PDB file of N, CA and C in Angstrom:
ATOM      1  N   MET A   1     124.777  90.442 103.962  1.00  0.00           N
ATOM      2  CA  MET A   1     123.880  90.069 103.261  1.00  0.00           C
ATOM      3  C   MET A   1     123.166  88.952 103.959  1.00  0.00           C
ATOM      4  N   GLY A   2     121.382  88.592 103.460  1.00  0.00           N
ATOM      5  CA  GLY A   2     120.855  87.886 103.904  1.00  0.00           C
ATOM      6  C   GLY A   2     120.365  88.191 105.632  1.00  0.00           C
ATOM      7  N   SER A   3     120.791  89.261 105.677  1.00  0.00           N
ATOM      8  CA  SER A   3     120.753  89.782 107.380  1.00  0.00           C
ATOM      9  C   SER A   3     119.719  91.099 107.107  1.00  0.00           C
ATOM     10  N   ASN A   4     118.161  91.148 107.899  1.00  0.00           N
ATOM     11  CA  ASN A   4     117.562  91.986 107.701  1.00  0.00           C
ATOM     12  C   ASN A   4     117.703  93.412 109.413  1.00  0.00           C
ATOM     13  N   ILE A   5     119.280  93.519 109.070  1.00  0.00           N
ATOM     14  CA  ILE A   5     119.822  94.092 110.252  1.00  0.00           C
ATOM     15  C   ILE A   5     120.783  95.622 109.656  1.00  0.00           C
ATOM     16  N   LEU A   6     120.489  96.556 109.867  1.00  0.00           N
ATOM     17  CA  LEU A   6     121.094  97.471 109.236  1.00  0.00           C
ATOM     18  C   LEU A   6     122.064  98.366 111.036  1.00  0.00           C
ATOM     19  N   THR A   7     123.545  98.364 110.342  1.00  0.00           N
ATOM     20  CA  THR A   7     124.354  98.613 111.719  1.00  0.00           C
ATOM     21  C   THR A   7     125.021  99.960 111.348  1.00  0.00           C
ATOM     22  N   LEU A   8     123.787 101.299 112.056  1.00  0.00           N
ATOM     23  CA  LEU A   8     124.275 102.723 111.574  1.00  0.00           C
ATOM     24  C   LEU A   8     125.293 103.146 112.319  1.00  0.00           C
ATOM     25  N   ASN A   9     126.145 103.736 112.676  1.00  0.00           N
ATOM     26  CA  ASN A   9     127.200 104.299 114.080  1.00  0.00           C
ATOM     27  C   ASN A   9     127.267 103.136 115.190  1.00  0.00           C
ATOM     28  N   GLY A  10     127.281 102.122 115.252  1.00  0.00           N
ATOM     29  CA  GLY A  10     127.228 101.448 116.270  1.00  0.00           C
ATOM     30  C   GLY A  10     125.967 101.002 116.492  1.00  0.00           C
ATOM     31  N   ALA A  11     124.715 101.461 116.031  1.00  0.00           N
ATOM     32  CA  ALA A  11     123.346 101.218 116.192  1.00  0.00           C
ATOM     33  C   ALA A  11     122.870 100.153 115.618  1.00  0.00           C
ATOM     34  N   LYS A  12     122.445  99.243 115.977  1.00  0.00           N
ATOM     35  CA  LYS A  12     120.865  98.290 115.079  1.00  0.00           C
ATOM     36  C   LYS A  12     119.836  98.822 114.850  1.00  0.00           C
ATOM     37  N   ILE A  13     119.542  98.400 113.678  1.00  0.00           N
ATOM     38  CA  ILE A  13     118.062  98.629 113.248  1.00  0.00           C
ATOM     39  C   ILE A  13     117.754  97.682 112.340  1.00  0.00           C
ATOM     40  N   THR A  14     116.492  97.495 112.818  1.00  0.00           N
ATOM     41  CA  THR A  14     115.833  96.266 112.276  1.00  0.00           C
ATOM     42  C   THR A  14     114.552  96.492 110.891  1.00  0.00           C
ATOM     43  N   MET A  15     115.781  96.426 110.221  1.00  0.00           N
ATOM     44  CA  MET A  15     114.582  96.403 108.494  1.00  0.00           C
ATOM     45  C   MET A  15     113.498  95.719 108.320  1.00  0.00           C
ATOM     46  N   ASP A  16     112.284  95.834 107.427  1.00  0.00           N
ATOM     47  CA  ASP A  16     111.303  95.240 107.098  1.00  0.00           C
ATOM     48  C   ASP A  16     111.616  93.730 106.182  1.00  0.00           C
ATOM     49  N   THR A  17     112.897  94.060 105.363  1.00  0.00           N
ATOM     50  CA  THR A  17     112.960  92.435 104.547  1.00  0.00           C
ATOM     51  C   THR A  17     114.636  92.593 104.869  1.00  0.00           C
ATOM     52  N   LYS A  18     115.321  91.464 104.555  1.00  0.00           N
ATOM     53  CA  LYS A  18     116.645  91.722 104.077  1.00  0.00           C
ATOM     54  C   LYS A  18     117.374  91.900 103.015  1.00  0.00           C
ATOM     55  N   ALA A  19     118.701  92.385 103.550  1.00  0.00           N
ATOM     56  CA  ALA A  19     119.866  93.250 101.869  1.00  0.00           C
ATOM     57  C   ALA A  19     120.148  91.471 101.531  1.00  0.00           C
ATOM     58  N   LYS A  20     120.303  91.985  99.915  1.00  0.00           N
ATOM     59  CA  LYS A  20     120.284  91.191  99.137  1.00  0.00           C
ATOM     60  C   LYS A  20     121.075  91.229  98.305  1.00  0.00           C
ATOM     61  N   VAL A  21     122.247  90.497  97.358  1.00  0.00           N
ATOM     62  CA  VAL A  21     122.901  91.078  96.322  1.00  0.00           C
ATOM     63  C   VAL A  21     121.519  91.004  94.867  1.00  0.00           C
ATOM     64  N   VAL A  22     121.558  91.820  93.922  1.00  0.00           N
ATOM     65  CA  VAL A  22     121.216  91.396  92.453  1.00  0.00           C
ATOM     66  C   VAL A  22     121.722  92.246  91.492  1.00  0.00           C
ATOM     67  N   ASN A  23     122.345  91.629  90.537  1.00  0.00           N
ATOM     68  CA  ASN A  23     123.110  91.980  89.568  1.00  0.00           C
ATOM     69  C   ASN A  23     124.061  92.145  89.979  1.00  0.00           C
ATOM     70  N   GLY A  24     125.418  91.864  91.041  1.00  0.00           N
ATOM     71  CA  GLY A  24     126.438  92.472  91.711  1.00  0.00           C
ATOM     72  C   GLY A  24     126.130  93.861  92.703  1.00  0.00           C
ATOM     73  N   ARG A  25     125.196  94.048  93.078  1.00  0.00           N
ATOM     74  CA  ARG A  25     124.706  95.139  93.974  1.00  0.00           C
ATOM     75  C   ARG A  25     124.119  95.094  95.129  1.00  0.00           C
ATOM     76  N   THR A  26     124.552  95.361  95.726  1.00  0.00           N
ATOM     77  CA  THR A  26     123.782  95.705  97.404  1.00  0.00           C
ATOM     78  C   THR A  26     122.336  96.275  97.266  1.00  0.00           C
ATOM     79  N   VAL A  27     121.167  95.798  97.346  1.00  0.00           N
ATOM     80  CA  VAL A  27     119.958  96.504  97.513  1.00  0.00           C
ATOM     81  C   VAL A  27     119.928  96.132  98.821  1.00  0.00           C
ATOM     82  N   LEU A  28     119.324  97.439  99.889  1.00  0.00           N
ATOM     83  CA  LEU A  28     118.505  98.246 100.706  1.00  0.00           C
ATOM     84  C   LEU A  28     117.067  98.326 100.553  1.00  0.00           C
ATOM     85  N   PRO A  29     116.067  98.005 101.614  1.00  0.00           N
ATOM     86  CA  PRO A  29     115.135  98.812 101.430  1.00  0.00           C
ATOM     87  C   PRO A  29     115.344  99.960 101.663  1.00  0.00           C
ATOM     88  N   LEU A  30     114.225 100.548 101.332  1.00  0.00           N
ATOM     89  CA  LEU A  30     114.412 103.039 100.901  1.00  0.00           C
ATOM     90  C   LEU A  30     113.504 103.442 102.277  1.00  0.00           C
ATOM     91  N   ARG A  31     113.103 102.152 102.869  1.00  0.00           N
ATOM     92  CA  ARG A  31     112.713 102.929 104.081  1.00  0.00           C
ATOM     93  C   ARG A  31     113.824 103.324 104.866  1.00  0.00           C
ATOM     94  N   ALA A  32     114.931 101.788 105.108  1.00  0.00           N
ATOM     95  CA  ALA A  32     115.510 101.682 105.890  1.00  0.00           C
ATOM     96  C   ALA A  32     117.055 102.964 105.487  1.00  0.00           C
ATOM     97  N   VAL A  33     117.262 103.453 104.472  1.00  0.00           N
ATOM     98  CA  VAL A  33     118.334 104.084 103.781  1.00  0.00           C
ATOM     99  C   VAL A  33     117.869 105.075 104.086  1.00  0.00           C
ATOM    100  N   ALA A  34     116.772 105.816 103.340  1.00  0.00           N
ATOM    101  CA  ALA A  34     116.024 107.214 103.882  1.00  0.00           C
ATOM    102  C   ALA A  34     116.201 107.870 105.575  1.00  0.00           C
ATOM    103  N   THR A  35     115.465 107.191 106.109  1.00  0.00           N
ATOM    104  CA  THR A  35     115.475 107.079 107.803  1.00  0.00           C
ATOM    105  C   THR A  35     116.754 106.501 108.633  1.00  0.00           C
ATOM    106  N   ALA A  36     117.589 106.295 107.930  1.00  0.00           N
ATOM    107  CA  ALA A  36     119.179 106.075 108.658  1.00  0.00           C
ATOM    108  C   ALA A  36     119.668 107.874 108.360  1.00  0.00           C
ATOM    109  N   LEU A  37     119.278 108.225 107.079  1.00  0.00           N
ATOM    110  CA  LEU A  37     119.680 109.312 107.165  1.00  0.00           C
ATOM    111  C   LEU A  37     118.936 110.421 106.969  1.00  0.00           C
ATOM    112  N   GLY A  38     117.591 110.714 108.220  1.00  0.00           N
ATOM    113  CA  GLY A  38     116.978 111.599 108.865  1.00  0.00           C
ATOM    114  C   GLY A  38     115.933 111.681 107.874  1.00  0.00           C
ATOM    115  N   ALA A  39     115.527 111.007 107.188  1.00  0.00           N
ATOM    116  CA  ALA A  39     114.086 111.347 105.953  1.00  0.00           C
ATOM    117  C   ALA A  39     112.986 110.314 106.585  1.00  0.00           C
ATOM    118  N   ASN A  40     111.823 111.292 106.526  1.00  0.00           N
ATOM    119  CA  ASN A  40     110.783 110.774 106.615  1.00  0.00           C
ATOM    120  C   ASN A  40     110.177 109.930 105.881  1.00  0.00           C
ATOM    121  N   VAL A  41     109.428 108.592 105.950  1.00  0.00           N
ATOM    122  CA  VAL A  41     108.993 108.007 104.820  1.00  0.00           C
ATOM    123  C   VAL A  41     107.387 107.932 105.208  1.00  0.00           C
ATOM    124  N   ALA A  42     106.461 108.097 103.872  1.00  0.00           N
ATOM    125  CA  ALA A  42     105.118 107.581 104.432  1.00  0.00           C
ATOM    126  C   ALA A  42     104.602 106.863 103.059  1.00  0.00           C
ATOM    127  N   TRP A  43     103.478 105.995 103.429  1.00  0.00           N
ATOM    128  CA  TRP A  43     103.060 105.110 102.723  1.00  0.00           C
ATOM    129  C   TRP A  43     101.737 105.797 102.475  1.00  0.00           C
ATOM    130  N   ASN A  44     100.871 106.113 101.208  1.00  0.00           N
ATOM    131  CA  ASN A  44      99.666 106.311 101.430  1.00  0.00           C
ATOM    132  C   ASN A  44      98.792 105.201 100.560  1.00  0.00           C
ATOM    133  N   GLU A  45      98.597 104.334 101.666  1.00  0.00           N
ATOM    134  CA  GLU A  45      97.869 102.646 101.016  1.00  0.00           C
ATOM    135  C   GLU A  45      96.596 103.420  99.760  1.00  0.00           C
ATOM    136  N   ALA A  46      96.152 104.911  99.986  1.00  0.00           N
ATOM    137  CA  ALA A  46      95.087 104.902  98.850  1.00  0.00           C
ATOM    138  C   ALA A  46      95.113 105.285  97.411  1.00  0.00           C
ATOM    139  N   ASP A  47      96.425 105.817  97.422  1.00  0.00           N
ATOM    140  CA  ASP A  47      97.122 106.177  96.123  1.00  0.00           C
ATOM    141  C   ASP A  47      98.418 105.054  95.932  1.00  0.00           C
ATOM    142  N   GLN A  48      99.024 104.370  96.601  1.00  0.00           N
ATOM    143  CA  GLN A  48      99.912 103.275  96.708  1.00  0.00           C
ATOM    144  C   GLN A  48     101.097 103.810  96.039  1.00  0.00           C
ATOM    145  N   THR A  49     101.808 105.227  96.676  1.00  0.00           N
ATOM    146  CA  THR A  49     102.547 105.502  96.773  1.00  0.00           C
ATOM    147  C   THR A  49     103.636 106.523  97.849  1.00  0.00           C
ATOM    148  N   VAL A  50     104.711 106.250  97.855  1.00  0.00           N
ATOM    149  CA  VAL A  50     106.000 106.656  98.686  1.00  0.00           C
ATOM    150  C   VAL A  50     106.066 107.663  99.105  1.00  0.00           C
ATOM    151  N   THR A  51     105.903 108.608  99.977  1.00  0.00           N
ATOM    152  CA  THR A  51     106.927 110.201 100.206  1.00  0.00           C
ATOM    153  C   THR A  51     107.704 109.709 100.831  1.00  0.00           C
ATOM    154  N   VAL A  52     108.836 110.769 100.552  1.00  0.00           N
ATOM    155  CA  VAL A  52     110.070 110.766 101.507  1.00  0.00           C
ATOM    156  C   VAL A  52     110.447 111.839 101.365  1.00  0.00           C
ATOM    157  N   LYS A  53     110.494 112.592 102.974  1.00  0.00           N
ATOM    158  CA  LYS A  53     110.632 113.993 103.154  1.00  0.00           C
ATOM    159  C   LYS A  53     111.984 114.101 103.723  1.00  0.00           C
TER     160      LYS A  53
END
């Protein structure tokens, strides 16, 4: 907790923000988790939306 480094299969991935605990649950940035699972993440500034494919 409190780190912005995610380790996936021995590889270190730098996340935009740090992992933290909220109400007893670990919270990670969506982009980091989605990317680690092989998804593409896109931010649309005009619409203020995130697309995960």
